[in-house]
Protein backbone atom coordinates (compact mmCIF):
# COMPACT_ATOMS: atom_id res chain seq x y z
CA MET A 1 -17.58 2.95 27.15
CA LYS A 2 -15.43 1.69 24.28
CA THR A 3 -14.41 4.34 21.75
CA GLN A 4 -14.23 3.41 18.11
CA ASP A 5 -11.50 4.37 15.70
CA PRO A 6 -12.98 7.05 13.40
CA HIS A 7 -10.77 5.93 10.48
CA ILE A 8 -11.77 3.41 7.87
CA ALA A 9 -9.06 0.91 6.93
CA LEU A 10 -8.86 0.58 3.15
CA GLY A 11 -6.56 -2.45 3.02
CA TRP A 12 -5.72 -3.70 -0.49
CA VAL A 13 -6.43 -1.09 -3.16
CA HIS A 14 -5.77 -0.40 -6.84
CA PRO A 15 -2.73 1.77 -7.70
CA ARG A 16 -5.08 4.60 -8.77
CA VAL A 17 -6.19 4.94 -5.13
CA ILE A 18 -2.56 5.20 -3.99
CA GLU A 19 -1.86 7.84 -6.63
CA THR A 20 -4.97 9.83 -5.68
CA PHE A 21 -4.39 9.84 -1.92
CA LYS A 22 -0.61 9.47 -1.57
CA GLY A 23 0.74 10.94 -4.82
CA LEU A 24 2.77 7.86 -5.81
CA THR A 25 2.26 6.99 -9.47
CA LYS A 26 1.95 3.45 -10.79
CA ASP A 27 5.42 3.79 -12.34
CA GLN A 28 6.91 4.89 -9.00
CA LEU A 29 5.22 2.00 -7.18
CA ASP A 30 6.37 -0.52 -9.79
CA GLY A 31 9.93 0.82 -9.74
CA ARG A 32 10.17 0.54 -5.97
CA ARG A 33 8.54 -2.90 -6.03
CA LYS A 34 11.01 -4.18 -8.65
CA SER A 35 13.99 -2.74 -6.76
CA GLY A 36 12.94 -4.62 -3.61
CA LYS A 37 11.86 -1.66 -1.49
CA PHE A 38 8.35 -3.14 -1.11
CA ILE A 39 7.68 -6.65 0.17
CA GLU A 40 5.16 -8.97 -1.46
CA GLY A 41 2.39 -9.90 0.96
CA ILE A 42 3.01 -6.80 3.09
CA HIS A 43 3.06 -3.84 0.72
CA PHE A 44 1.65 -5.46 -2.41
CA ILE A 45 -0.02 -8.63 -3.66
CA LYS A 46 -0.97 -10.05 -7.03
CA ASP A 47 -4.70 -10.62 -7.33
CA PRO A 48 -6.09 -13.75 -9.07
CA VAL A 49 -5.86 -12.15 -12.53
CA GLY A 50 -2.28 -10.93 -11.99
CA SER A 51 -2.92 -7.26 -11.19
CA ILE A 52 -0.87 -5.67 -8.43
CA MET A 53 -2.84 -4.41 -5.43
CA TRP A 54 -1.31 -2.19 -2.76
CA HIS A 55 -1.91 -2.15 1.00
CA PHE A 56 -2.94 1.40 1.84
CA GLU A 57 -2.06 1.38 5.56
CA ASN A 58 1.21 -0.56 5.19
CA LEU A 59 2.39 2.00 2.63
CA ASP A 60 1.61 4.71 5.21
CA ALA A 61 3.86 2.95 7.69
CA TRP A 62 6.63 2.59 5.08
CA ILE A 63 6.37 6.28 4.13
CA GLU A 64 6.62 7.21 7.82
CA GLY A 65 9.83 5.17 8.17
CA ASP A 66 8.48 2.06 9.91
CA ASN A 67 10.76 -0.71 8.65
CA SER A 68 8.84 -3.48 10.41
CA CYS A 69 6.26 -3.60 7.64
């Protein structure tokens, strides 16, 4: 029998979600984005109206020291 992953992938989320669950404020995220620590298309994207959305799971990997994403 195939077991299912009990976690729900959130994918691209608003900065408020990142602040609530990871403790990184919008200012901290923007500062790290502007300094080049986060990569567009992997850690963040701009939605059609120009807002920045963050990839929940890829930020987990970055926080844990995974430099491949």
